[in-house]
Amino acid sequence: MSEYTFKTNINCGSCIKSVTPFLNALDNVEMWKVDTENPAKILSVELDDTNVEAVLNAVKKAGYSIELNETEE
């Protein structure tokens, strides 16, 4: 399992509610959460593969902006 973080504009409970069906529909997503307290509105996703493109497309389809968080660890 791999964990990825993304910068988004998902900034409130209503936003989370509207993106939920899109992320829950993805077969490769094990768990996801949005940190709305973080200024970058970080979406953390655990995937059972490395298909981050599916997550990017799902969030964009829900109407939100998203980019892979390229921070170094």
PDB file of N, CA and C in Angstrom:
ATOM      1  N   MET A   1       0.848  -1.178   0.000  1.00  0.00           N
ATOM      2  CA  MET A   1       0.000   0.000   0.000  1.00  0.00           C
ATOM      3  C   MET A   1       0.894   1.242   0.000  1.00  0.00           C
ATOM      4  N   SER A   2       0.495   2.240  -0.760  1.00  0.00           N
ATOM      5  CA  SER A   2       1.261   3.479  -0.871  1.00  0.00           C
ATOM      6  C   SER A   2       0.395   4.651  -0.454  1.00  0.00           C
ATOM      7  N   GLU A   3       1.026   5.597   0.256  1.00  0.00           N
ATOM      8  CA  GLU A   3       0.289   6.800   0.650  1.00  0.00           C
ATOM      9  C   GLU A   3       0.799   7.987  -0.153  1.00  0.00           C
ATOM     10  N   TYR A   4      -0.139   8.784  -0.645  1.00  0.00           N
ATOM     11  CA  TYR A   4       0.170   9.970  -1.423  1.00  0.00           C
ATOM     12  C   TYR A   4      -0.561  11.153  -0.816  1.00  0.00           C
ATOM     13  N   THR A   5       0.027  12.331  -0.963  1.00  0.00           N
ATOM     14  CA  THR A   5      -0.654  13.545  -0.519  1.00  0.00           C
ATOM     15  C   THR A   5      -0.788  14.490  -1.707  1.00  0.00           C
ATOM     16  N   PHE A   6      -1.877  15.238  -1.688  1.00  0.00           N
ATOM     17  CA  PHE A   6      -2.200  16.152  -2.775  1.00  0.00           C
ATOM     18  C   PHE A   6      -2.611  17.496  -2.195  1.00  0.00           C
ATOM     19  N   LYS A   7      -2.247  18.562  -2.883  1.00  0.00           N
ATOM     20  CA  LYS A   7      -2.739  19.900  -2.534  1.00  0.00           C
ATOM     21  C   LYS A   7      -4.055  20.081  -3.291  1.00  0.00           C
ATOM     22  N   THR A   8      -5.090  20.554  -2.581  1.00  0.00           N
ATOM     23  CA  THR A   8      -6.407  20.711  -3.202  1.00  0.00           C
ATOM     24  C   THR A   8      -7.038  22.034  -2.787  1.00  0.00           C
ATOM     25  N   ASN A   9      -8.245  22.268  -3.276  1.00  0.00           N
ATOM     26  CA  ASN A   9      -9.052  23.395  -2.781  1.00  0.00           C
ATOM     27  C   ASN A   9     -10.336  22.867  -2.129  1.00  0.00           C
ATOM     28  N   ILE A  10     -10.268  21.659  -1.590  1.00  0.00           N
ATOM     29  CA  ILE A  10     -11.377  21.060  -0.835  1.00  0.00           C
ATOM     30  C   ILE A  10     -11.293  21.647   0.577  1.00  0.00           C
ATOM     31  N   ASN A  11     -12.126  22.654   0.864  1.00  0.00           N
ATOM     32  CA  ASN A  11     -11.874  23.428   2.084  1.00  0.00           C
ATOM     33  C   ASN A  11     -12.956  23.403   3.150  1.00  0.00           C
ATOM     34  N   CYS A  12     -13.994  22.570   2.993  1.00  0.00           N
ATOM     35  CA  CYS A  12     -15.033  22.544   4.031  1.00  0.00           C
ATOM     36  C   CYS A  12     -15.769  21.204   4.002  1.00  0.00           C
ATOM     37  N   GLY A  13     -16.638  21.020   4.954  1.00  0.00           N
ATOM     38  CA  GLY A  13     -17.404  19.781   5.039  1.00  0.00           C
ATOM     39  C   GLY A  13     -18.273  19.531   3.821  1.00  0.00           C
ATOM     40  N   SER A  14     -18.865  20.581   3.264  1.00  0.00           N
ATOM     41  CA  SER A  14     -19.689  20.420   2.065  1.00  0.00           C
ATOM     42  C   SER A  14     -18.844  19.992   0.872  1.00  0.00           C
ATOM     43  N   CYS A  15     -17.617  20.523   0.791  1.00  0.00           N
ATOM     44  CA  CYS A  15     -16.707  20.136  -0.289  1.00  0.00           C
ATOM     45  C   CYS A  15     -16.338  18.658  -0.150  1.00  0.00           C
ATOM     46  N   ILE A  16     -16.057  18.246   1.068  1.00  0.00           N
ATOM     47  CA  ILE A  16     -15.720  16.842   1.314  1.00  0.00           C
ATOM     48  C   ILE A  16     -16.902  15.954   0.937  1.00  0.00           C
ATOM     49  N   LYS A  17     -18.090  16.386   1.307  1.00  0.00           N
ATOM     50  CA  LYS A  17     -19.294  15.617   0.981  1.00  0.00           C
ATOM     51  C   LYS A  17     -19.473  15.469  -0.530  1.00  0.00           C
ATOM     52  N   SER A  18     -19.170  16.514  -1.297  1.00  0.00           N
ATOM     53  CA  SER A  18     -19.373  16.417  -2.737  1.00  0.00           C
ATOM     54  C   SER A  18     -18.282  15.618  -3.443  1.00  0.00           C
ATOM     55  N   VAL A  19     -17.088  15.530  -2.869  1.00  0.00           N
ATOM     56  CA  VAL A  19     -16.022  14.742  -3.503  1.00  0.00           C
ATOM     57  C   VAL A  19     -16.069  13.269  -3.065  1.00  0.00           C
ATOM     58  N   THR A  20     -16.751  12.991  -1.959  1.00  0.00           N
ATOM     59  CA  THR A  20     -16.805  11.634  -1.409  1.00  0.00           C
ATOM     60  C   THR A  20     -17.235  10.561  -2.416  1.00  0.00           C
ATOM     61  N   PRO A  21     -18.338  10.730  -3.146  1.00  0.00           N
ATOM     62  CA  PRO A  21     -18.736   9.654  -4.071  1.00  0.00           C
ATOM     63  C   PRO A  21     -17.703   9.383  -5.164  1.00  0.00           C
ATOM     64  N   PHE A  22     -16.975  10.411  -5.568  1.00  0.00           N
ATOM     65  CA  PHE A  22     -15.969  10.249  -6.615  1.00  0.00           C
ATOM     66  C   PHE A  22     -14.771   9.442  -6.109  1.00  0.00           C
ATOM     67  N   LEU A  23     -14.313   9.746  -4.892  1.00  0.00           N
ATOM     68  CA  LEU A  23     -13.177   9.011  -4.336  1.00  0.00           C
ATOM     69  C   LEU A  23     -13.575   7.617  -3.879  1.00  0.00           C
ATOM     70  N   ASN A  24     -14.766   7.483  -3.316  1.00  0.00           N
ATOM     71  CA  ASN A  24     -15.218   6.170  -2.864  1.00  0.00           C
ATOM     72  C   ASN A  24     -15.462   5.209  -4.024  1.00  0.00           C
ATOM     73  N   ALA A  25     -15.679   5.735  -5.222  1.00  0.00           N
ATOM     74  CA  ALA A  25     -15.928   4.890  -6.390  1.00  0.00           C
ATOM     75  C   ALA A  25     -14.645   4.271  -6.952  1.00  0.00           C
ATOM     76  N   LEU A  26     -13.491   4.746  -6.509  1.00  0.00           N
ATOM     77  CA  LEU A  26     -12.222   4.226  -7.024  1.00  0.00           C
ATOM     78  C   LEU A  26     -11.862   2.917  -6.335  1.00  0.00           C
ATOM     79  N   ASP A  27     -11.589   1.896  -7.126  1.00  0.00           N
ATOM     80  CA  ASP A  27     -11.258   0.578  -6.583  1.00  0.00           C
ATOM     81  C   ASP A  27      -9.896   0.532  -5.890  1.00  0.00           C
ATOM     82  N   ASN A  28      -8.978   1.394  -6.306  1.00  0.00           N
ATOM     83  CA  ASN A  28      -7.624   1.331  -5.752  1.00  0.00           C
ATOM     84  C   ASN A  28      -7.439   2.153  -4.477  1.00  0.00           C
ATOM     85  N   VAL A  29      -8.470   2.876  -4.040  1.00  0.00           N
ATOM     86  CA  VAL A  29      -8.363   3.710  -2.834  1.00  0.00           C
ATOM     87  C   VAL A  29      -8.784   2.899  -1.608  1.00  0.00           C
ATOM     88  N   GLU A  30      -7.846   2.765  -0.671  1.00  0.00           N
ATOM     89  CA  GLU A  30      -8.128   2.052   0.581  1.00  0.00           C
ATOM     90  C   GLU A  30      -8.697   3.004   1.631  1.00  0.00           C
ATOM     91  N   MET A  31      -8.135   4.224   1.702  1.00  0.00           N
ATOM     92  CA  MET A  31      -8.543   5.204   2.703  1.00  0.00           C
ATOM     93  C   MET A  31      -8.170   6.576   2.179  1.00  0.00           C
ATOM     94  N   TRP A  32      -8.968   7.581   2.540  1.00  0.00           N
ATOM     95  CA  TRP A  32      -8.626   8.956   2.189  1.00  0.00           C
ATOM     96  C   TRP A  32      -9.169   9.902   3.240  1.00  0.00           C
ATOM     97  N   LYS A  33      -8.521  11.061   3.362  1.00  0.00           N
ATOM     98  CA  LYS A  33      -8.987  12.101   4.282  1.00  0.00           C
ATOM     99  C   LYS A  33      -8.440  13.435   3.807  1.00  0.00           C
ATOM    100  N   VAL A  34      -9.139  14.503   4.164  1.00  0.00           N
ATOM    101  CA  VAL A  34      -8.727  15.859   3.803  1.00  0.00           C
ATOM    102  C   VAL A  34      -8.458  16.638   5.084  1.00  0.00           C
ATOM    103  N   ASP A  35      -7.298  17.279   5.138  1.00  0.00           N
ATOM    104  CA  ASP A  35      -6.953  18.145   6.259  1.00  0.00           C
ATOM    105  C   ASP A  35      -7.334  19.578   5.881  1.00  0.00           C
ATOM    106  N   THR A  36      -8.555  19.964   6.231  1.00  0.00           N
ATOM    107  CA  THR A  36      -9.034  21.303   5.871  1.00  0.00           C
ATOM    108  C   THR A  36      -8.398  22.393   6.740  1.00  0.00           C
ATOM    109  N   GLU A  37      -7.732  22.018   7.823  1.00  0.00           N
ATOM    110  CA  GLU A  37      -7.039  22.993   8.676  1.00  0.00           C
ATOM    111  C   GLU A  37      -5.720  23.426   8.044  1.00  0.00           C
ATOM    112  N   ASN A  38      -5.143  22.577   7.215  1.00  0.00           N
ATOM    113  CA  ASN A  38      -3.886  22.885   6.532  1.00  0.00           C
ATOM    114  C   ASN A  38      -4.165  23.913   5.435  1.00  0.00           C
ATOM    115  N   PRO A  39      -3.345  24.958   5.312  1.00  0.00           N
ATOM    116  CA  PRO A  39      -3.582  25.970   4.270  1.00  0.00           C
ATOM    117  C   PRO A  39      -3.605  25.384   2.847  1.00  0.00           C
ATOM    118  N   ALA A  40      -2.892  24.276   2.631  1.00  0.00           N
ATOM    119  CA  ALA A  40      -2.860  23.645   1.305  1.00  0.00           C
ATOM    120  C   ALA A  40      -3.990  22.629   1.117  1.00  0.00           C
ATOM    121  N   LYS A  41      -4.873  22.485   2.138  1.00  0.00           N
ATOM    122  CA  LYS A  41      -6.021  21.562   2.056  1.00  0.00           C
ATOM    123  C   LYS A  41      -5.558  20.185   1.574  1.00  0.00           C
ATOM    124  N   ILE A  42      -4.697  19.556   2.361  1.00  0.00           N
ATOM    125  CA  ILE A  42      -4.032  18.316   1.961  1.00  0.00           C
ATOM    126  C   ILE A  42      -4.989  17.125   1.974  1.00  0.00           C
ATOM    127  N   LEU A  43      -5.051  16.469   0.835  1.00  0.00           N
ATOM    128  CA  LEU A  43      -5.781  15.211   0.686  1.00  0.00           C
ATOM    129  C   LEU A  43      -4.763  14.092   0.798  1.00  0.00           C
ATOM    130  N   SER A  44      -4.930  13.216   1.791  1.00  0.00           N
ATOM    131  CA  SER A  44      -4.067  12.047   1.957  1.00  0.00           C
ATOM    132  C   SER A  44      -4.832  10.829   1.476  1.00  0.00           C
ATOM    133  N   VAL A  45      -4.178  10.018   0.661  1.00  0.00           N
ATOM    134  CA  VAL A  45      -4.839   8.855   0.072  1.00  0.00           C
ATOM    135  C   VAL A  45      -3.926   7.645   0.185  1.00  0.00           C
ATOM    136  N   GLU A  46      -4.484   6.523   0.655  1.00  0.00           N
ATOM    137  CA  GLU A  46      -3.769   5.254   0.641  1.00  0.00           C
ATOM    138  C   GLU A  46      -4.279   4.453  -0.543  1.00  0.00           C
ATOM    139  N   LEU A  47      -3.351   4.077  -1.429  1.00  0.00           N
ATOM    140  CA  LEU A  47      -3.701   3.324  -2.621  1.00  0.00           C
ATOM    141  C   LEU A  47      -3.126   1.924  -2.544  1.00  0.00           C
ATOM    142  N   ASP A  48      -3.833   0.970  -3.135  1.00  0.00           N
ATOM    143  CA  ASP A  48      -3.291  -0.381  -3.199  1.00  0.00           C
ATOM    144  C   ASP A  48      -2.500  -0.594  -4.490  1.00  0.00           C
ATOM    145  N   ASP A  49      -2.268   0.484  -5.239  1.00  0.00           N
ATOM    146  CA  ASP A  49      -1.398   0.473  -6.411  1.00  0.00           C
ATOM    147  C   ASP A  49      -0.739   1.844  -6.517  1.00  0.00           C
ATOM    148  N   THR A  50      -0.209   2.195  -7.666  1.00  0.00           N
ATOM    149  CA  THR A  50       0.442   3.498  -7.817  1.00  0.00           C
ATOM    150  C   THR A  50      -0.293   4.394  -8.810  1.00  0.00           C
ATOM    151  N   ASN A  51      -1.571   4.131  -9.033  1.00  0.00           N
ATOM    152  CA  ASN A  51      -2.349   4.881 -10.020  1.00  0.00           C
ATOM    153  C   ASN A  51      -2.886   6.183  -9.432  1.00  0.00           C
ATOM    154  N   VAL A  52      -1.994   7.164  -9.253  1.00  0.00           N
ATOM    155  CA  VAL A  52      -2.416   8.458  -8.703  1.00  0.00           C
ATOM    156  C   VAL A  52      -3.267   9.227  -9.712  1.00  0.00           C
ATOM    157  N   GLU A  53      -3.132   8.895 -10.979  1.00  0.00           N
ATOM    158  CA  GLU A  53      -3.904   9.564 -12.033  1.00  0.00           C
ATOM    159  C   GLU A  53      -5.407   9.392 -11.795  1.00  0.00           C
ATOM    160  N   ALA A  54      -5.817   8.229 -11.296  1.00  0.00           N
ATOM    161  CA  ALA A  54      -7.236   7.987 -11.011  1.00  0.00           C
ATOM    162  C   ALA A  54      -7.746   8.956  -9.953  1.00  0.00           C
ATOM    163  N   VAL A  55      -6.937   9.214  -8.928  1.00  0.00           N
ATOM    164  CA  VAL A  55      -7.319  10.159  -7.867  1.00  0.00           C
ATOM    165  C   VAL A  55      -7.397  11.577  -8.434  1.00  0.00           C
ATOM    166  N   LEU A  56      -6.392  11.955  -9.211  1.00  0.00           N
ATOM    167  CA  LEU A  56      -6.389  13.290  -9.822  1.00  0.00           C
ATOM    168  C   LEU A  56      -7.640  13.496 -10.669  1.00  0.00           C
ATOM    169  N   ASN A  57      -7.969  12.517 -11.492  1.00  0.00           N
ATOM    170  CA  ASN A  57      -9.138  12.625 -12.372  1.00  0.00           C
ATOM    171  C   ASN A  57     -10.443  12.673 -11.583  1.00  0.00           C
ATOM    172  N   ALA A  58     -10.555  11.865 -10.526  1.00  0.00           N
ATOM    173  CA  ALA A  58     -11.784  11.828  -9.725  1.00  0.00           C
ATOM    174  C   ALA A  58     -12.050  13.168  -9.055  1.00  0.00           C
ATOM    175  N   VAL A  59     -11.016  13.769  -8.474  1.00  0.00           N
ATOM    176  CA  VAL A  59     -11.186  15.047  -7.785  1.00  0.00           C
ATOM    177  C   VAL A  59     -11.501  16.157  -8.792  1.00  0.00           C
ATOM    178  N   LYS A  60     -10.838  16.133  -9.937  1.00  0.00           N
ATOM    179  CA  LYS A  60     -11.130  17.128 -10.979  1.00  0.00           C
ATOM    180  C   LYS A  60     -12.556  16.966 -11.501  1.00  0.00           C
ATOM    181  N   LYS A  61     -12.996  15.719 -11.649  1.00  0.00           N
ATOM    182  CA  LYS A  61     -14.358  15.457 -12.115  1.00  0.00           C
ATOM    183  C   LYS A  61     -15.384  15.979 -11.109  1.00  0.00           C
ATOM    184  N   ALA A  62     -15.020  15.964  -9.822  1.00  0.00           N
ATOM    185  CA  ALA A  62     -15.901  16.493  -8.777  1.00  0.00           C
ATOM    186  C   ALA A  62     -15.919  18.021  -8.773  1.00  0.00           C
ATOM    187  N   GLY A  63     -15.011  18.638  -9.530  1.00  0.00           N
ATOM    188  CA  GLY A  63     -15.012  20.089  -9.646  1.00  0.00           C
ATOM    189  C   GLY A  63     -13.980  20.811  -8.799  1.00  0.00           C
ATOM    190  N   TYR A  64     -12.973  20.101  -8.324  1.00  0.00           N
ATOM    191  CA  TYR A  64     -11.957  20.701  -7.461  1.00  0.00           C
ATOM    192  C   TYR A  64     -10.588  20.637  -8.111  1.00  0.00           C
ATOM    193  N   SER A  65      -9.718  21.545  -7.694  1.00  0.00           N
ATOM    194  CA  SER A  65      -8.350  21.513  -8.197  1.00  0.00           C
ATOM    195  C   SER A  65      -7.527  20.584  -7.308  1.00  0.00           C
ATOM    196  N   ILE A  66      -6.532  19.956  -7.926  1.00  0.00           N
ATOM    197  CA  ILE A  66      -5.693  19.003  -7.201  1.00  0.00           C
ATOM    198  C   ILE A  66      -4.349  18.904  -7.901  1.00  0.00           C
ATOM    199  N   GLU A  67      -3.306  18.779  -7.093  1.00  0.00           N
ATOM    200  CA  GLU A  67      -1.980  18.502  -7.638  1.00  0.00           C
ATOM    201  C   GLU A  67      -1.224  17.631  -6.649  1.00  0.00           C
ATOM    202  N   LEU A  68      -0.406  16.760  -7.179  1.00  0.00           N
ATOM    203  CA  LEU A  68       0.390  15.869  -6.342  1.00  0.00           C
ATOM    204  C   LEU A  68       1.340  16.707  -5.511  1.00  0.00           C
ATOM    205  N   ASN A  69       1.415  16.423  -4.231  1.00  0.00           N
ATOM    206  CA  ASN A  69       2.294  17.142  -3.316  1.00  0.00           C
ATOM    207  C   ASN A  69       3.698  16.586  -3.491  1.00  0.00           C
ATOM    208  N   GLU A  70       4.598  17.406  -3.990  1.00  0.00           N
ATOM    209  CA  GLU A  70       5.958  16.943  -4.315  1.00  0.00           C
ATOM    210  C   GLU A  70       6.959  17.216  -3.197  1.00  0.00           C
ATOM    211  N   THR A  71       6.508  17.295  -1.963  1.00  0.00           N
ATOM    212  CA  THR A  71       7.441  17.585  -0.860  1.00  0.00           C
ATOM    213  C   THR A  71       8.400  16.425  -0.658  1.00  0.00           C
ATOM    214  N   GLU A  72       9.623  16.762  -0.296  1.00  0.00           N
ATOM    215  CA  GLU A  72      10.624  15.730  -0.036  1.00  0.00           C
ATOM    216  C   GLU A  72      10.495  15.266   1.398  1.00  0.00           C
ATOM    217  N   GLU A  73      10.762  13.988   1.589  1.00  0.00           N
ATOM    218  CA  GLU A  73      10.662  13.426   2.941  1.00  0.00           C
ATOM    219  C   GLU A  73      12.030  13.239   3.534  1.00  0.00           C
TER     220      GLU A  73
END
